[in-house]
Amino acid sequence: MNRLLVIYLKTKTSRKDLTSLYGTYISNLIKLRRSDKRWFNDMFELRDKWIPTYFSDTRMPGLMKTTLRSESMNSFFNTYSQSGNLLLHFMMNYDTTIQKQRNTQKELDH
């Protein structure tokens, strides 16, 4: 049952606002006659801890630690540059690199 709920959340409600998400969750519990089960109620109470991926349309940069973000960006830029490159070469590739990153993010958002 939990797997079906996760699939439903990923496909149907990831773009809706939280109020709609909560309403959908409760209506699904009622439809499935599981609203009396303690586990489902406990999971709903923990909704603020649900995986942020379900809310991909909401910016959550504070959830990522600074060092992790820094390492991620370093890795990303190292893909497109080398240590022996001149600053001029880096600057020429910077715009292209950022545009690729934005395109990738846009694809992941849709």
PDB file of N, CA and C in Angstrom:
ATOM      1  N   MET A   1       0.817  -1.197   0.000  1.00  0.00           N
ATOM      2  CA  MET A   1       0.000   0.000   0.000  1.00  0.00           C
ATOM      3  C   MET A   1       0.858   1.256   0.000  1.00  0.00           C
ATOM      4  N   ASN A   2       1.902   1.294   0.813  1.00  0.00           N
ATOM      5  CA  ASN A   2       2.758   2.461   0.897  1.00  0.00           C
ATOM      6  C   ASN A   2       3.402   2.765  -0.455  1.00  0.00           C
ATOM      7  N   ARG A   3       3.805   1.735  -1.176  1.00  0.00           N
ATOM      8  CA  ARG A   3       4.423   1.914  -2.482  1.00  0.00           C
ATOM      9  C   ARG A   3       3.451   2.588  -3.451  1.00  0.00           C
ATOM     10  N   LEU A   4       2.188   2.200  -3.412  1.00  0.00           N
ATOM     11  CA  LEU A   4       1.187   2.817  -4.277  1.00  0.00           C
ATOM     12  C   LEU A   4       0.996   4.291  -3.934  1.00  0.00           C
ATOM     13  N   LEU A   5       1.020   4.600  -2.659  1.00  0.00           N
ATOM     14  CA  LEU A   5       0.880   5.989  -2.241  1.00  0.00           C
ATOM     15  C   LEU A   5       2.065   6.815  -2.726  1.00  0.00           C
ATOM     16  N   VAL A   6       3.266   6.265  -2.621  1.00  0.00           N
ATOM     17  CA  VAL A   6       4.462   6.967  -3.089  1.00  0.00           C
ATOM     18  C   VAL A   6       4.372   7.223  -4.588  1.00  0.00           C
ATOM     19  N   ILE A   7       3.965   6.216  -5.345  1.00  0.00           N
ATOM     20  CA  ILE A   7       3.822   6.380  -6.795  1.00  0.00           C
ATOM     21  C   ILE A   7       2.782   7.448  -7.097  1.00  0.00           C
ATOM     22  N   TYR A   8       1.676   7.406  -6.389  1.00  0.00           N
ATOM     23  CA  TYR A   8       0.626   8.408  -6.611  1.00  0.00           C
ATOM     24  C   TYR A   8       1.148   9.808  -6.310  1.00  0.00           C
ATOM     25  N   LEU A   9       1.848   9.960  -5.203  1.00  0.00           N
ATOM     26  CA  LEU A   9       2.381  11.266  -4.842  1.00  0.00           C
ATOM     27  C   LEU A   9       3.360  11.774  -5.887  1.00  0.00           C
ATOM     28  N   LYS A  10       4.206  10.890  -6.400  1.00  0.00           N
ATOM     29  CA  LYS A  10       5.187  11.305  -7.397  1.00  0.00           C
ATOM     30  C   LYS A  10       4.528  11.729  -8.696  1.00  0.00           C
ATOM     31  N   THR A  11       3.511  11.009  -9.122  1.00  0.00           N
ATOM     32  CA  THR A  11       2.934  11.271 -10.437  1.00  0.00           C
ATOM     33  C   THR A  11       1.806  12.285 -10.423  1.00  0.00           C
ATOM     34  N   LYS A  12       1.044  12.349  -9.372  1.00  0.00           N
ATOM     35  CA  LYS A  12      -0.165  13.169  -9.391  1.00  0.00           C
ATOM     36  C   LYS A  12      -0.096  14.444  -8.569  1.00  0.00           C
ATOM     37  N   THR A  13       0.661  14.457  -7.500  1.00  0.00           N
ATOM     38  CA  THR A  13       0.566  15.607  -6.605  1.00  0.00           C
ATOM     39  C   THR A  13       1.853  16.386  -6.446  1.00  0.00           C
ATOM     40  N   SER A  14       2.897  16.041  -7.168  1.00  0.00           N
ATOM     41  CA  SER A  14       4.156  16.740  -6.953  1.00  0.00           C
ATOM     42  C   SER A  14       4.082  18.211  -7.343  1.00  0.00           C
ATOM     43  N   ARG A  15       3.131  18.603  -8.168  1.00  0.00           N
ATOM     44  CA  ARG A  15       3.009  19.990  -8.599  1.00  0.00           C
ATOM     45  C   ARG A  15       1.894  20.748  -7.876  1.00  0.00           C
ATOM     46  N   LYS A  16       1.162  20.084  -7.024  1.00  0.00           N
ATOM     47  CA  LYS A  16       0.043  20.740  -6.343  1.00  0.00           C
ATOM     48  C   LYS A  16       0.515  21.381  -5.051  1.00  0.00           C
ATOM     49  N   ASP A  17      -0.287  22.276  -4.539  1.00  0.00           N
ATOM     50  CA  ASP A  17       0.074  22.894  -3.272  1.00  0.00           C
ATOM     51  C   ASP A  17      -0.175  21.930  -2.118  1.00  0.00           C
ATOM     52  N   LEU A  18       0.372  22.253  -0.968  1.00  0.00           N
ATOM     53  CA  LEU A  18       0.310  21.342   0.171  1.00  0.00           C
ATOM     54  C   LEU A  18      -1.111  21.074   0.642  1.00  0.00           C
ATOM     55  N   THR A  19      -1.970  22.057   0.588  1.00  0.00           N
ATOM     56  CA  THR A  19      -3.352  21.853   1.018  1.00  0.00           C
ATOM     57  C   THR A  19      -4.021  20.782   0.185  1.00  0.00           C
ATOM     58  N   SER A  20      -3.819  20.850  -1.096  1.00  0.00           N
ATOM     59  CA  SER A  20      -4.387  19.854  -1.997  1.00  0.00           C
ATOM     60  C   SER A  20      -3.776  18.482  -1.726  1.00  0.00           C
ATOM     61  N   LEU A  21      -2.472  18.461  -1.453  1.00  0.00           N
ATOM     62  CA  LEU A  21      -1.796  17.197  -1.164  1.00  0.00           C
ATOM     63  C   LEU A  21      -2.390  16.539   0.077  1.00  0.00           C
ATOM     64  N   TYR A  22      -2.589  17.318   1.122  1.00  0.00           N
ATOM     65  CA  TYR A  22      -3.156  16.764   2.347  1.00  0.00           C
ATOM     66  C   TYR A  22      -4.567  16.244   2.109  1.00  0.00           C
ATOM     67  N   GLY A  23      -5.353  17.014   1.379  1.00  0.00           N
ATOM     68  CA  GLY A  23      -6.716  16.584   1.068  1.00  0.00           C
ATOM     69  C   GLY A  23      -6.734  15.299   0.267  1.00  0.00           C
ATOM     70  N   THR A  24      -5.840  15.192  -0.699  1.00  0.00           N
ATOM     71  CA  THR A  24      -5.740  13.984  -1.515  1.00  0.00           C
ATOM     72  C   THR A  24      -5.342  12.793  -0.654  1.00  0.00           C
ATOM     73  N   TYR A  25      -4.392  13.006   0.243  1.00  0.00           N
ATOM     74  CA  TYR A  25      -3.925  11.933   1.117  1.00  0.00           C
ATOM     75  C   TYR A  25      -5.080  11.405   1.974  1.00  0.00           C
ATOM     76  N   ILE A  26      -5.807  12.305   2.585  1.00  0.00           N
ATOM     77  CA  ILE A  26      -6.912  11.896   3.457  1.00  0.00           C
ATOM     78  C   ILE A  26      -8.015  11.222   2.655  1.00  0.00           C
ATOM     79  N   SER A  27      -8.347  11.776   1.488  1.00  0.00           N
ATOM     80  CA  SER A  27      -9.405  11.156   0.675  1.00  0.00           C
ATOM     81  C   SER A  27      -8.992   9.767   0.208  1.00  0.00           C
ATOM     82  N   ASN A  28      -7.714   9.576  -0.085  1.00  0.00           N
ATOM     83  CA  ASN A  28      -7.251   8.238  -0.466  1.00  0.00           C
ATOM     84  C   ASN A  28      -7.338   7.267   0.702  1.00  0.00           C
ATOM     85  N   LEU A  29      -7.025   7.741   1.892  1.00  0.00           N
ATOM     86  CA  LEU A  29      -7.143   6.873   3.063  1.00  0.00           C
ATOM     87  C   LEU A  29      -8.591   6.454   3.278  1.00  0.00           C
ATOM     88  N   ILE A  30      -9.504   7.393   3.106  1.00  0.00           N
ATOM     89  CA  ILE A  30     -10.925   7.084   3.285  1.00  0.00           C
ATOM     90  C   ILE A  30     -11.392   6.112   2.210  1.00  0.00           C
ATOM     91  N   LYS A  31     -10.985   6.354   0.960  1.00  0.00           N
ATOM     92  CA  LYS A  31     -11.370   5.460  -0.135  1.00  0.00           C
ATOM     93  C   LYS A  31     -10.879   4.039   0.112  1.00  0.00           C
ATOM     94  N   LEU A  32      -9.682   3.941   0.651  1.00  0.00           N
ATOM     95  CA  LEU A  32      -9.095   2.622   0.879  1.00  0.00           C
ATOM     96  C   LEU A  32      -9.495   2.031   2.227  1.00  0.00           C
ATOM     97  N   ARG A  33     -10.304   2.759   2.955  1.00  0.00           N
ATOM     98  CA  ARG A  33     -10.781   2.327   4.280  1.00  0.00           C
ATOM     99  C   ARG A  33      -9.619   1.982   5.221  1.00  0.00           C
ATOM    100  N   ARG A  34      -8.597   2.796   5.149  1.00  0.00           N
ATOM    101  CA  ARG A  34      -7.422   2.574   5.987  1.00  0.00           C
ATOM    102  C   ARG A  34      -7.233   3.708   6.996  1.00  0.00           C
ATOM    103  N   SER A  35      -8.173   4.623   7.054  1.00  0.00           N
ATOM    104  CA  SER A  35      -7.997   5.788   7.913  1.00  0.00           C
ATOM    105  C   SER A  35      -7.959   5.425   9.398  1.00  0.00           C
ATOM    106  N   ASP A  36      -8.418   4.234   9.729  1.00  0.00           N
ATOM    107  CA  ASP A  36      -8.385   3.835  11.131  1.00  0.00           C
ATOM    108  C   ASP A  36      -7.049   3.195  11.508  1.00  0.00           C
ATOM    109  N   LYS A  37      -6.190   2.998  10.546  1.00  0.00           N
ATOM    110  CA  LYS A  37      -4.897   2.383  10.829  1.00  0.00           C
ATOM    111  C   LYS A  37      -3.939   3.419  11.407  1.00  0.00           C
ATOM    112  N   ARG A  38      -3.339   3.086  12.500  1.00  0.00           N
ATOM    113  CA  ARG A  38      -2.460   4.014  13.199  1.00  0.00           C
ATOM    114  C   ARG A  38      -1.241   4.394  12.361  1.00  0.00           C
ATOM    115  N   TRP A  39      -0.689   3.424  11.610  1.00  0.00           N
ATOM    116  CA  TRP A  39       0.510   3.689  10.822  1.00  0.00           C
ATOM    117  C   TRP A  39       0.289   4.824   9.828  1.00  0.00           C
ATOM    118  N   PHE A  40      -0.843   4.806   9.124  1.00  0.00           N
ATOM    119  CA  PHE A  40      -1.119   5.849   8.142  1.00  0.00           C
ATOM    120  C   PHE A  40      -1.277   7.208   8.813  1.00  0.00           C
ATOM    121  N   ASN A  41      -1.923   7.215   9.933  1.00  0.00           N
ATOM    122  CA  ASN A  41      -2.081   8.475  10.661  1.00  0.00           C
ATOM    123  C   ASN A  41      -0.737   8.997  11.157  1.00  0.00           C
ATOM    124  N   ASP A  42       0.115   8.092  11.641  1.00  0.00           N
ATOM    125  CA  ASP A  42       1.449   8.496  12.081  1.00  0.00           C
ATOM    126  C   ASP A  42       2.266   9.055  10.918  1.00  0.00           C
ATOM    127  N   MET A  43       2.166   8.407   9.766  1.00  0.00           N
ATOM    128  CA  MET A  43       2.887   8.888   8.585  1.00  0.00           C
ATOM    129  C   MET A  43       2.404  10.281   8.185  1.00  0.00           C
ATOM    130  N   PHE A  44       1.121  10.499   8.270  1.00  0.00           N
ATOM    131  CA  PHE A  44       0.593  11.816   7.924  1.00  0.00           C
ATOM    132  C   PHE A  44       1.083  12.867   8.911  1.00  0.00           C
ATOM    133  N   GLU A  45       1.170  12.512  10.174  1.00  0.00           N
ATOM    134  CA  GLU A  45       1.675  13.449  11.171  1.00  0.00           C
ATOM    135  C   GLU A  45       3.142  13.798  10.923  1.00  0.00           C
ATOM    136  N   LEU A  46       3.873  12.891  10.288  1.00  0.00           N
ATOM    137  CA  LEU A  46       5.281  13.127   9.974  1.00  0.00           C
ATOM    138  C   LEU A  46       5.459  13.754   8.594  1.00  0.00           C
ATOM    139  N   ARG A  47       4.417  14.313   8.022  1.00  0.00           N
ATOM    140  CA  ARG A  47       4.455  14.804   6.642  1.00  0.00           C
ATOM    141  C   ARG A  47       5.527  15.864   6.413  1.00  0.00           C
ATOM    142  N   ASP A  48       5.903  16.612   7.454  1.00  0.00           N
ATOM    143  CA  ASP A  48       6.947  17.618   7.274  1.00  0.00           C
ATOM    144  C   ASP A  48       8.320  16.994   7.059  1.00  0.00           C
ATOM    145  N   LYS A  49       8.430  15.687   7.284  1.00  0.00           N
ATOM    146  CA  LYS A  49       9.691  14.984   7.089  1.00  0.00           C
ATOM    147  C   LYS A  49       9.701  14.154   5.808  1.00  0.00           C
ATOM    148  N   TRP A  50       8.617  14.215   5.042  1.00  0.00           N
ATOM    149  CA  TRP A  50       8.565  13.455   3.796  1.00  0.00           C
ATOM    150  C   TRP A  50       9.684  13.915   2.877  1.00  0.00           C
ATOM    151  N   ILE A  51      10.082  13.047   2.006  1.00  0.00           N
ATOM    152  CA  ILE A  51      11.201  13.323   1.102  1.00  0.00           C
ATOM    153  C   ILE A  51      10.928  14.596   0.296  1.00  0.00           C
ATOM    154  N   PRO A  52      11.859  15.555   0.335  1.00  0.00           N
ATOM    155  CA  PRO A  52      11.654  16.819  -0.377  1.00  0.00           C
ATOM    156  C   PRO A  52      11.478  16.663  -1.887  1.00  0.00           C
ATOM    157  N   THR A  53      11.881  15.536  -2.440  1.00  0.00           N
ATOM    158  CA  THR A  53      11.719  15.318  -3.875  1.00  0.00           C
ATOM    159  C   THR A  53      10.269  15.416  -4.287  1.00  0.00           C
ATOM    160  N   TYR A  54       9.368  15.021  -3.420  1.00  0.00           N
ATOM    161  CA  TYR A  54       7.953  15.098  -3.756  1.00  0.00           C
ATOM    162  C   TYR A  54       7.516  16.541  -3.964  1.00  0.00           C
ATOM    163  N   PHE A  55       8.296  17.453  -3.416  1.00  0.00           N
ATOM    164  CA  PHE A  55       7.970  18.868  -3.519  1.00  0.00           C
ATOM    165  C   PHE A  55       9.022  19.574  -4.359  1.00  0.00           C
ATOM    166  N   SER A  56       9.321  19.002  -5.532  1.00  0.00           N
ATOM    167  CA  SER A  56      10.389  19.537  -6.373  1.00  0.00           C
ATOM    168  C   SER A  56      10.107  20.946  -6.863  1.00  0.00           C
ATOM    169  N   ASP A  57       8.867  21.382  -6.832  1.00  0.00           N
ATOM    170  CA  ASP A  57       8.556  22.738  -7.266  1.00  0.00           C
ATOM    171  C   ASP A  57       8.801  23.765  -6.163  1.00  0.00           C
ATOM    172  N   THR A  58       9.169  23.302  -4.974  1.00  0.00           N
ATOM    173  CA  THR A  58       9.455  24.184  -3.856  1.00  0.00           C
ATOM    174  C   THR A  58      10.957  24.227  -3.629  1.00  0.00           C
ATOM    175  N   ARG A  59      11.526  25.426  -3.613  1.00  0.00           N
ATOM    176  CA  ARG A  59      12.968  25.541  -3.387  1.00  0.00           C
ATOM    177  C   ARG A  59      13.294  25.177  -1.939  1.00  0.00           C
ATOM    178  N   MET A  60      14.286  24.323  -1.766  1.00  0.00           N
ATOM    179  CA  MET A  60      14.694  23.904  -0.429  1.00  0.00           C
ATOM    180  C   MET A  60      16.216  23.900  -0.315  1.00  0.00           C
ATOM    181  N   PRO A  61      16.880  24.997  -0.634  1.00  0.00           N
ATOM    182  CA  PRO A  61      18.337  24.989  -0.591  1.00  0.00           C
ATOM    183  C   PRO A  61      18.897  24.853   0.819  1.00  0.00           C
ATOM    184  N   GLY A  62      18.124  25.191   1.829  1.00  0.00           N
ATOM    185  CA  GLY A  62      18.601  25.097   3.200  1.00  0.00           C
ATOM    186  C   GLY A  62      18.770  23.672   3.689  1.00  0.00           C
ATOM    187  N   LEU A  63      18.209  22.708   2.969  1.00  0.00           N
ATOM    188  CA  LEU A  63      18.322  21.323   3.389  1.00  0.00           C
ATOM    189  C   LEU A  63      19.682  20.722   3.062  1.00  0.00           C
ATOM    190  N   MET A  64      20.386  21.328   2.117  1.00  0.00           N
ATOM    191  CA  MET A  64      21.680  20.796   1.719  1.00  0.00           C
ATOM    192  C   MET A  64      22.775  21.516   2.507  1.00  0.00           C
ATOM    193  N   LYS A  65      23.669  20.770   3.095  1.00  0.00           N
ATOM    194  CA  LYS A  65      24.743  21.377   3.858  1.00  0.00           C
ATOM    195  C   LYS A  65      25.675  22.152   2.928  1.00  0.00           C
ATOM    196  N   THR A  66      26.298  23.179   3.463  1.00  0.00           N
ATOM    197  CA  THR A  66      27.169  24.037   2.667  1.00  0.00           C
ATOM    198  C   THR A  66      28.318  23.258   2.051  1.00  0.00           C
ATOM    199  N   THR A  67      28.946  22.368   2.808  1.00  0.00           N
ATOM    200  CA  THR A  67      30.076  21.617   2.261  1.00  0.00           C
ATOM    201  C   THR A  67      29.633  20.694   1.139  1.00  0.00           C
ATOM    202  N   LEU A  68      28.479  20.074   1.300  1.00  0.00           N
ATOM    203  CA  LEU A  68      27.965  19.198   0.251  1.00  0.00           C
ATOM    204  C   LEU A  68      27.669  19.997  -1.007  1.00  0.00           C
ATOM    205  N   ARG A  69      27.072  21.166  -0.848  1.00  0.00           N
ATOM    206  CA  ARG A  69      26.775  22.022  -1.991  1.00  0.00           C
ATOM    207  C   ARG A  69      28.066  22.445  -2.674  1.00  0.00           C
ATOM    208  N   SER A  70      29.072  22.818  -1.887  1.00  0.00           N
ATOM    209  CA  SER A  70      30.352  23.244  -2.432  1.00  0.00           C
ATOM    210  C   SER A  70      31.029  22.107  -3.192  1.00  0.00           C
ATOM    211  N   GLU A  71      31.032  20.914  -2.609  1.00  0.00           N
ATOM    212  CA  GLU A  71      31.630  19.759  -3.279  1.00  0.00           C
ATOM    213  C   GLU A  71      30.893  19.434  -4.564  1.00  0.00           C
ATOM    214  N   SER A  72      29.593  19.567  -4.544  1.00  0.00           N
ATOM    215  CA  SER A  72      28.796  19.305  -5.734  1.00  0.00           C
ATOM    216  C   SER A  72      29.131  20.291  -6.843  1.00  0.00           C
ATOM    217  N   MET A  73      29.229  21.568  -6.507  1.00  0.00           N
ATOM    218  CA  MET A  73      29.570  22.581  -7.512  1.00  0.00           C
ATOM    219  C   MET A  73      30.989  22.382  -8.024  1.00  0.00           C
ATOM    220  N   ASN A  74      31.928  22.060  -7.142  1.00  0.00           N
ATOM    221  CA  ASN A  74      33.302  21.802  -7.580  1.00  0.00           C
ATOM    222  C   ASN A  74      33.349  20.643  -8.557  1.00  0.00           C
ATOM    223  N   SER A  75      32.640  19.586  -8.234  1.00  0.00           N
ATOM    224  CA  SER A  75      32.593  18.429  -9.126  1.00  0.00           C
ATOM    225  C   SER A  75      31.994  18.808 -10.470  1.00  0.00           C
ATOM    226  N   PHE A  76      30.940  19.599 -10.432  1.00  0.00           N
ATOM    227  CA  PHE A  76      30.281  20.025 -11.667  1.00  0.00           C
ATOM    228  C   PHE A  76      31.236  20.826 -12.545  1.00  0.00           C
ATOM    229  N   PHE A  77      31.936  21.808 -11.965  1.00  0.00           N
ATOM    230  CA  PHE A  77      32.847  22.635 -12.758  1.00  0.00           C
ATOM    231  C   PHE A  77      34.088  21.864 -13.193  1.00  0.00           C
ATOM    232  N   ASN A  78      34.536  20.910 -12.403  1.00  0.00           N
ATOM    233  CA  ASN A  78      35.688  20.104 -12.807  1.00  0.00           C
ATOM    234  C   ASN A  78      35.393  19.264 -14.036  1.00  0.00           C
ATOM    235  N   THR A  79      34.129  18.964 -14.266  1.00  0.00           N
ATOM    236  CA  THR A  79      33.739  18.218 -15.460  1.00  0.00           C
ATOM    237  C   THR A  79      34.041  19.025 -16.715  1.00  0.00           C
ATOM    238  N   TYR A  80      33.931  20.339 -16.635  1.00  0.00           N
ATOM    239  CA  TYR A  80      34.080  21.203 -17.804  1.00  0.00           C
ATOM    240  C   TYR A  80      35.388  21.987 -17.830  1.00  0.00           C
ATOM    241  N   SER A  81      36.261  21.784 -16.872  1.00  0.00           N
ATOM    242  CA  SER A  81      37.530  22.515 -16.872  1.00  0.00           C
ATOM    243  C   SER A  81      38.643  21.616 -16.346  1.00  0.00           C
ATOM    244  N   GLN A  82      39.867  22.073 -16.548  1.00  0.00           N
ATOM    245  CA  GLN A  82      41.038  21.334 -16.078  1.00  0.00           C
ATOM    246  C   GLN A  82      41.905  22.275 -15.261  1.00  0.00           C
ATOM    247  N   SER A  83      42.753  21.719 -14.417  1.00  0.00           N
ATOM    248  CA  SER A  83      43.539  22.556 -13.511  1.00  0.00           C
ATOM    249  C   SER A  83      44.540  23.437 -14.248  1.00  0.00           C
ATOM    250  N   GLY A  84      44.981  23.044 -15.433  1.00  0.00           N
ATOM    251  CA  GLY A  84      45.959  23.835 -16.178  1.00  0.00           C
ATOM    252  C   GLY A  84      45.352  24.926 -17.037  1.00  0.00           C
ATOM    253  N   ASN A  85      44.057  25.049 -17.047  1.00  0.00           N
ATOM    254  CA  ASN A  85      43.400  26.052 -17.888  1.00  0.00           C
ATOM    255  C   ASN A  85      43.647  27.466 -17.376  1.00  0.00           C
ATOM    256  N   LEU A  86      43.705  28.395 -18.300  1.00  0.00           N
ATOM    257  CA  LEU A  86      43.818  29.799 -17.942  1.00  0.00           C
ATOM    258  C   LEU A  86      42.464  30.313 -17.462  1.00  0.00           C
ATOM    259  N   LEU A  87      42.499  31.407 -16.727  1.00  0.00           N
ATOM    260  CA  LEU A  87      41.269  32.024 -16.245  1.00  0.00           C
ATOM    261  C   LEU A  87      40.369  32.412 -17.420  1.00  0.00           C
ATOM    262  N   LEU A  88      40.983  32.886 -18.495  1.00  0.00           N
ATOM    263  CA  LEU A  88      40.218  33.269 -19.680  1.00  0.00           C
ATOM    264  C   LEU A  88      39.443  32.078 -20.238  1.00  0.00           C
ATOM    265  N   HIS A  89      40.092  30.921 -20.292  1.00  0.00           N
ATOM    266  CA  HIS A  89      39.433  29.709 -20.792  1.00  0.00           C
ATOM    267  C   HIS A  89      38.264  29.326 -19.886  1.00  0.00           C
ATOM    268  N   PHE A  90      38.478  29.436 -18.576  1.00  0.00           N
ATOM    269  CA  PHE A  90      37.406  29.129 -17.628  1.00  0.00           C
ATOM    270  C   PHE A  90      36.214  30.063 -17.839  1.00  0.00           C
ATOM    271  N   MET A  91      36.485  31.346 -17.983  1.00  0.00           N
ATOM    272  CA  MET A  91      35.406  32.319 -18.151  1.00  0.00           C
ATOM    273  C   MET A  91      34.638  32.089 -19.447  1.00  0.00           C
ATOM    274  N   MET A  92      35.328  31.649 -20.491  1.00  0.00           N
ATOM    275  CA  MET A  92      34.658  31.371 -21.760  1.00  0.00           C
ATOM    276  C   MET A  92      33.712  30.180 -21.621  1.00  0.00           C
ATOM    277  N   ASN A  93      34.084  29.208 -20.806  1.00  0.00           N
ATOM    278  CA  ASN A  93      33.253  28.021 -20.611  1.00  0.00           C
ATOM    279  C   ASN A  93      32.195  28.200 -19.526  1.00  0.00           C
ATOM    280  N   TYR A  94      32.341  29.224 -18.701  1.00  0.00           N
ATOM    281  CA  TYR A  94      31.449  29.417 -17.561  1.00  0.00           C
ATOM    282  C   TYR A  94      29.986  29.550 -17.992  1.00  0.00           C
ATOM    283  N   ASP A  95      29.718  30.427 -18.960  1.00  0.00           N
ATOM    284  CA  ASP A  95      28.334  30.637 -19.400  1.00  0.00           C
ATOM    285  C   ASP A  95      27.723  29.365 -19.962  1.00  0.00           C
ATOM    286  N   THR A  96      28.505  28.646 -20.756  1.00  0.00           N
ATOM    287  CA  THR A  96      28.017  27.390 -21.330  1.00  0.00           C
ATOM    288  C   THR A  96      27.715  26.383 -20.231  1.00  0.00           C
ATOM    289  N   THR A  97      28.593  26.308 -19.255  1.00  0.00           N
ATOM    290  CA  THR A  97      28.423  25.368 -18.151  1.00  0.00           C
ATOM    291  C   THR A  97      27.169  25.689 -17.341  1.00  0.00           C
ATOM    292  N   ILE A  98      26.979  26.944 -17.022  1.00  0.00           N
ATOM    293  CA  ILE A  98      25.797  27.354 -16.260  1.00  0.00           C
ATOM    294  C   ILE A  98      24.528  27.075 -17.055  1.00  0.00           C
ATOM    295  N   GLN A  99      24.552  27.349 -18.358  1.00  0.00           N
ATOM    296  CA  GLN A  99      23.378  27.094 -19.190  1.00  0.00           C
ATOM    297  C   GLN A  99      23.041  25.603 -19.210  1.00  0.00           C
ATOM    298  N   LYS A 100      24.059  24.746 -19.287  1.00  0.00           N
ATOM    299  CA  LYS A 100      23.823  23.295 -19.256  1.00  0.00           C
ATOM    300  C   LYS A 100      23.203  22.882 -17.923  1.00  0.00           C
ATOM    301  N   GLN A 101      23.704  23.477 -16.848  1.00  0.00           N
ATOM    302  CA  GLN A 101      23.169  23.159 -15.527  1.00  0.00           C
ATOM    303  C   GLN A 101      21.703  23.592 -15.421  1.00  0.00           C
ATOM    304  N   ARG A 102      21.381  24.754 -15.917  1.00  0.00           N
ATOM    305  CA  ARG A 102      19.997  25.235 -15.875  1.00  0.00           C
ATOM    306  C   ARG A 102      19.082  24.366 -16.731  1.00  0.00           C
ATOM    307  N   ASN A 103      19.563  23.956 -17.897  1.00  0.00           N
ATOM    308  CA  ASN A 103      18.764  23.083 -18.756  1.00  0.00           C
ATOM    309  C   ASN A 103      18.510  21.741 -18.090  1.00  0.00           C
ATOM    310  N   THR A 104      19.539  21.198 -17.454  1.00  0.00           N
ATOM    311  CA  THR A 104      19.385  19.932 -16.747  1.00  0.00           C
ATOM    312  C   THR A 104      18.366  20.072 -15.624  1.00  0.00           C
ATOM    313  N   GLN A 105      18.452  21.159 -14.863  1.00  0.00           N
ATOM    314  CA  GLN A 105      17.509  21.391 -13.769  1.00  0.00           C
ATOM    315  C   GLN A 105      16.092  21.546 -14.298  1.00  0.00           C
ATOM    316  N   LYS A 106      15.945  22.253 -15.413  1.00  0.00           N
ATOM    317  CA  LYS A 106      14.623  22.449 -16.002  1.00  0.00           C
ATOM    318  C   LYS A 106      14.031  21.111 -16.443  1.00  0.00           C
ATOM    319  N   GLU A 107      14.860  20.234 -17.028  1.00  0.00           N
ATOM    320  CA  GLU A 107      14.389  18.914 -17.442  1.00  0.00           C
ATOM    321  C   GLU A 107      13.968  18.080 -16.240  1.00  0.00           C
ATOM    322  N   LEU A 108      14.729  18.162 -15.160  1.00  0.00           N
ATOM    323  CA  LEU A 108      14.391  17.403 -13.953  1.00  0.00           C
ATOM    324  C   LEU A 108      13.111  17.923 -13.305  1.00  0.00           C
ATOM    325  N   ASP A 109      12.861  19.221 -13.430  1.00  0.00           N
ATOM    326  CA  ASP A 109      11.650  19.802 -12.854  1.00  0.00           C
ATOM    327  C   ASP A 109      10.399  19.396 -13.608  1.00  0.00           C
ATOM    328  N   HIS A 110      10.553  19.040 -14.866  1.00  0.00           N
ATOM    329  CA  HIS A 110       9.382  18.677 -15.678  1.00  0.00           C
ATOM    330  C   HIS A 110       9.371  17.228 -15.861  1.00  0.00           C
TER     331      HIS A 110
END
